Amino acid sequence: MPLHEPSPYEVLGIPLTAGVREINLSVGKALKAGRYSRQQIQDAAALLRNPDRRLEVDLQQPLPPEPVDQAADLLAPALAEPLLVIDRPGLPPAPALLALHRAEAAADFAEPAPGGADPEPPVPARYAADLSVLPQIEVPE
């Protein structure tokens, strides 16, 4: 059993541009070839003789690809350079790296004590605001 339904053009062995005369002539050739049953050949010929049904089939058929000569020559400029260039930034200097200990991370994600009336979770001490985050304020004398 074929994986796909053959098109009527395949059954009759004719090109997409075939006229009614070529369709009628191809029926006998297709019957002699014996690749398809008589019913399939007759159905294909009847479908292609009807202009409306033929248009439906033609719209459902993908167009054959156009041949490209010298494809390697056409692609050579594009393949001369790498297809993807990634500029990776360098590593930051060692003093700029922050070391986070497992105990600090565990304290940040610890479950709050149950039954607390405070709707907001507590802020870990190392993230709490201190005077260094406030702007300098001039106090009048």
C-alpha atoms as a PDB file:
ATOM      1  CA  MET A   1       0.000   0.000   0.000  1.00  0.00           C
ATOM      2  CA  PRO A   2       1.551   3.363  -0.978  1.00  0.00           C
ATOM      3  CA  LEU A   3       2.230   5.955   1.666  1.00  0.00           C
ATOM      4  CA  HIS A   4       0.452   8.658  -0.331  1.00  0.00           C
ATOM      5  CA  GLU A   5      -2.348   8.795  -2.827  1.00  0.00           C
ATOM      6  CA  PRO A   6      -0.849   9.100  -6.331  1.00  0.00           C
ATOM      7  CA  SER A   7      -1.857  12.198  -8.235  1.00  0.00           C
ATOM      8  CA  PRO A   8      -3.880  11.697 -11.418  1.00  0.00           C
ATOM      9  CA  TYR A   9      -0.897  12.992 -13.368  1.00  0.00           C
ATOM     10  CA  GLU A  10       1.271  10.201 -11.902  1.00  0.00           C
ATOM     11  CA  VAL A  11      -1.368   7.582 -12.643  1.00  0.00           C
ATOM     12  CA  LEU A  12      -1.601   8.605 -16.291  1.00  0.00           C
ATOM     13  CA  GLY A  13       2.083   9.473 -16.654  1.00  0.00           C
ATOM     14  CA  ILE A  14       1.445  12.914 -18.142  1.00  0.00           C
ATOM     15  CA  PRO A  15       2.788  16.400 -17.421  1.00  0.00           C
ATOM     16  CA  LEU A  16       0.772  19.120 -15.663  1.00  0.00           C
ATOM     17  CA  THR A  17       0.306  20.896 -18.993  1.00  0.00           C
ATOM     18  CA  ALA A  18      -1.361  17.964 -20.775  1.00  0.00           C
ATOM     19  CA  GLY A  19      -4.520  18.662 -22.755  1.00  0.00           C
ATOM     20  CA  VAL A  20      -7.613  16.495 -23.237  1.00  0.00           C
ATOM     21  CA  ARG A  21      -6.085  14.762 -26.273  1.00  0.00           C
ATOM     22  CA  GLU A  22      -2.971  13.745 -24.280  1.00  0.00           C
ATOM     23  CA  ILE A  23      -5.180  12.563 -21.403  1.00  0.00           C
ATOM     24  CA  ASN A  24      -7.195  10.340 -23.741  1.00  0.00           C
ATOM     25  CA  LEU A  25      -4.029   8.901 -25.319  1.00  0.00           C
ATOM     26  CA  SER A  26      -2.407   8.262 -21.939  1.00  0.00           C
ATOM     27  CA  VAL A  27      -5.286   6.057 -20.719  1.00  0.00           C
ATOM     28  CA  GLY A  28      -4.326   3.219 -23.086  1.00  0.00           C
ATOM     29  CA  LYS A  29      -0.641   3.556 -22.236  1.00  0.00           C
ATOM     30  CA  ALA A  30      -1.388   3.499 -18.509  1.00  0.00           C
ATOM     31  CA  LEU A  31      -3.550   0.381 -18.885  1.00  0.00           C
ATOM     32  CA  LYS A  32      -0.749  -1.386 -20.789  1.00  0.00           C
ATOM     33  CA  ALA A  33       1.833  -0.368 -18.177  1.00  0.00           C
ATOM     34  CA  GLY A  34      -0.287  -2.021 -15.462  1.00  0.00           C
ATOM     35  CA  ARG A  35       1.094   0.053 -12.583  1.00  0.00           C
ATOM     36  CA  TYR A  36      -2.400   1.101 -11.472  1.00  0.00           C
ATOM     37  CA  SER A  37      -5.819  -0.552 -11.591  1.00  0.00           C
ATOM     38  CA  ARG A  38      -8.301   0.135 -14.363  1.00  0.00           C
ATOM     39  CA  GLN A  39     -10.550   1.979 -11.904  1.00  0.00           C
ATOM     40  CA  GLN A  40      -7.726   4.278 -10.751  1.00  0.00           C
ATOM     41  CA  ILE A  41      -6.824   5.102 -14.364  1.00  0.00           C
ATOM     42  CA  GLN A  42     -10.426   5.820 -15.349  1.00  0.00           C
ATOM     43  CA  ASP A  43     -10.970   7.984 -12.250  1.00  0.00           C
ATOM     44  CA  ALA A  44      -7.772   9.941 -12.947  1.00  0.00           C
ATOM     45  CA  ALA A  45      -8.768  10.551 -16.569  1.00  0.00           C
ATOM     46  CA  ALA A  46     -12.304  11.620 -15.605  1.00  0.00           C
ATOM     47  CA  LEU A  47     -10.945  13.989 -12.979  1.00  0.00           C
ATOM     48  CA  LEU A  48      -8.493  15.639 -15.385  1.00  0.00           C
ATOM     49  CA  ARG A  49     -11.131  16.010 -18.127  1.00  0.00           C
ATOM     50  CA  ASN A  50     -13.341  18.042 -15.763  1.00  0.00           C
ATOM     51  CA  PRO A  51     -11.889  21.610 -15.636  1.00  0.00           C
ATOM     52  CA  ASP A  52     -13.255  22.439 -12.167  1.00  0.00           C
ATOM     53  CA  ARG A  53     -12.009  19.260 -10.508  1.00  0.00           C
ATOM     54  CA  ARG A  54      -8.683  19.542 -12.356  1.00  0.00           C
ATOM     55  CA  LEU A  55      -8.221  23.051 -10.975  1.00  0.00           C
ATOM     56  CA  GLU A  56      -8.771  21.712  -7.432  1.00  0.00           C
ATOM     57  CA  VAL A  57      -6.110  19.037  -7.968  1.00  0.00           C
ATOM     58  CA  ASP A  58      -3.700  21.539  -9.530  1.00  0.00           C
ATOM     59  CA  LEU A  59      -4.062  23.906  -6.565  1.00  0.00           C
ATOM     60  CA  GLN A  60      -3.260  21.107  -4.138  1.00  0.00           C
ATOM     61  CA  GLN A  61      -0.131  20.013  -6.020  1.00  0.00           C
ATOM     62  CA  PRO A  62       3.160  21.607  -4.974  1.00  0.00           C
ATOM     63  CA  LEU A  63       5.100  23.160  -7.813  1.00  0.00           C
ATOM     64  CA  PRO A  64       8.183  21.217  -8.886  1.00  0.00           C
ATOM     65  CA  PRO A  65      11.430  22.961  -7.940  1.00  0.00           C
ATOM     66  CA  GLU A  66      13.241  24.790 -10.670  1.00  0.00           C
ATOM     67  CA  PRO A  67      16.662  23.343 -11.486  1.00  0.00           C
ATOM     68  CA  VAL A  68      19.630  25.398 -10.325  1.00  0.00           C
ATOM     69  CA  ASP A  69      22.863  25.075 -12.215  1.00  0.00           C
ATOM     70  CA  GLN A  70      26.141  25.953 -10.544  1.00  0.00           C
ATOM     71  CA  ALA A  71      24.613  25.832  -7.054  1.00  0.00           C
ATOM     72  CA  ALA A  72      28.069  25.440  -5.521  1.00  0.00           C
ATOM     73  CA  ASP A  73      29.228  28.624  -7.258  1.00  0.00           C
ATOM     74  CA  LEU A  74      26.200  30.513  -5.960  1.00  0.00           C
ATOM     75  CA  LEU A  75      26.763  29.356  -2.389  1.00  0.00           C
ATOM     76  CA  ALA A  76      30.551  29.773  -2.322  1.00  0.00           C
ATOM     77  CA  PRO A  77      30.560  33.410  -1.087  1.00  0.00           C
ATOM     78  CA  ALA A  78      28.156  32.589   1.721  1.00  0.00           C
ATOM     79  CA  LEU A  79      30.096  29.512   2.810  1.00  0.00           C
ATOM     80  CA  ALA A  80      33.484  31.249   2.740  1.00  0.00           C
ATOM     81  CA  GLU A  81      32.801  32.910   6.088  1.00  0.00           C
ATOM     82  CA  PRO A  82      31.500  31.244   9.232  1.00  0.00           C
ATOM     83  CA  LEU A  83      27.716  31.194   9.375  1.00  0.00           C
ATOM     84  CA  LEU A  84      27.456  32.252  13.000  1.00  0.00           C
ATOM     85  CA  VAL A  85      29.902  34.495  14.786  1.00  0.00           C
ATOM     86  CA  ILE A  86      29.510  34.857  18.537  1.00  0.00           C
ATOM     87  CA  ASP A  87      31.398  37.590  20.319  1.00  0.00           C
ATOM     88  CA  ARG A  88      31.790  36.349  23.857  1.00  0.00           C
ATOM     89  CA  PRO A  89      32.763  38.886  26.475  1.00  0.00           C
ATOM     90  CA  GLY A  90      35.892  38.178  28.475  1.00  0.00           C
ATOM     91  CA  LEU A  91      35.761  36.976  32.036  1.00  0.00           C
ATOM     92  CA  PRO A  92      35.408  39.673  34.694  1.00  0.00           C
ATOM     93  CA  PRO A  93      38.406  40.369  36.937  1.00  0.00           C
ATOM     94  CA  ALA A  94      38.690  38.115  39.974  1.00  0.00           C
ATOM     95  CA  PRO A  95      37.914  40.857  42.583  1.00  0.00           C
ATOM     96  CA  ALA A  96      34.596  41.523  40.843  1.00  0.00           C
ATOM     97  CA  LEU A  97      33.412  37.947  41.396  1.00  0.00           C
ATOM     98  CA  LEU A  98      31.072  37.321  44.303  1.00  0.00           C
ATOM     99  CA  ALA A  99      31.313  34.111  46.272  1.00  0.00           C
ATOM    100  CA  LEU A 100      28.046  32.823  47.656  1.00  0.00           C
ATOM    101  CA  HIS A 101      28.221  30.151  50.298  1.00  0.00           C
ATOM    102  CA  ARG A 102      25.635  27.393  50.482  1.00  0.00           C
ATOM    103  CA  ALA A 103      24.620  28.403  54.020  1.00  0.00           C
ATOM    104  CA  GLU A 104      23.823  31.955  52.864  1.00  0.00           C
ATOM    105  CA  ALA A 105      21.683  30.681  50.006  1.00  0.00           C
ATOM    106  CA  ALA A 106      19.880  28.261  52.314  1.00  0.00           C
ATOM    107  CA  ALA A 107      19.094  31.116  54.739  1.00  0.00           C
ATOM    108  CA  ASP A 108      17.669  33.186  51.880  1.00  0.00           C
ATOM    109  CA  PHE A 109      15.276  30.429  50.818  1.00  0.00           C
ATOM    110  CA  ALA A 110      14.366  29.107  54.281  1.00  0.00           C
ATOM    111  CA  GLU A 111      10.655  28.770  55.005  1.00  0.00           C
ATOM    112  CA  PRO A 112       9.310  31.493  57.308  1.00  0.00           C
ATOM    113  CA  ALA A 113       8.046  30.496  60.708  1.00  0.00           C
ATOM    114  CA  PRO A 114       4.379  29.474  60.581  1.00  0.00           C
ATOM    115  CA  GLY A 115       1.705  31.607  62.194  1.00  0.00           C
ATOM    116  CA  GLY A 116       3.364  34.924  61.568  1.00  0.00           C
ATOM    117  CA  ALA A 117       1.009  37.904  61.343  1.00  0.00           C
ATOM    118  CA  ASP A 118       3.414  39.708  59.005  1.00  0.00           C
ATOM    119  CA  PRO A 119       2.144  39.263  55.393  1.00  0.00           C
ATOM    120  CA  GLU A 120       5.551  40.153  53.893  1.00  0.00           C
ATOM    121  CA  PRO A 121       8.401  37.656  54.105  1.00  0.00           C
ATOM    122  CA  PRO A 122      11.442  38.780  56.076  1.00  0.00           C
ATOM    123  CA  VAL A 123      14.351  40.288  54.142  1.00  0.00           C
ATOM    124  CA  PRO A 124      17.691  38.533  54.701  1.00  0.00           C
ATOM    125  CA  ALA A 125      20.089  40.660  56.714  1.00  0.00           C
ATOM    126  CA  ARG A 126      22.618  40.957  53.929  1.00  0.00           C
ATOM    127  CA  TYR A 127      19.963  42.560  51.684  1.00  0.00           C
ATOM    128  CA  ALA A 128      18.518  44.858  54.342  1.00  0.00           C
ATOM    129  CA  ALA A 129      18.767  48.594  53.739  1.00  0.00           C
ATOM    130  CA  ASP A 130      21.383  50.498  55.651  1.00  0.00           C
ATOM    131  CA  LEU A 131      22.678  54.055  55.506  1.00  0.00           C
ATOM    132  CA  SER A 132      24.850  53.308  52.480  1.00  0.00           C
ATOM    133  CA  VAL A 133      21.766  53.100  50.215  1.00  0.00           C
ATOM    134  CA  LEU A 134      20.287  56.418  51.331  1.00  0.00           C
ATOM    135  CA  PRO A 135      21.203  59.651  49.580  1.00  0.00           C
ATOM    136  CA  GLN A 136      23.251  62.208  51.425  1.00  0.00           C
ATOM    137  CA  ILE A 137      20.990  64.687  53.166  1.00  0.00           C
ATOM    138  CA  GLU A 138      22.163  68.074  54.324  1.00  0.00           C
ATOM    139  CA  VAL A 139      20.651  68.826  57.714  1.00  0.00           C
ATOM    140  CA  PRO A 140      20.114  72.564  58.245  1.00  0.00           C
ATOM    141  CA  GLU A 141      21.532  74.012  61.440  1.00  0.00           C
END
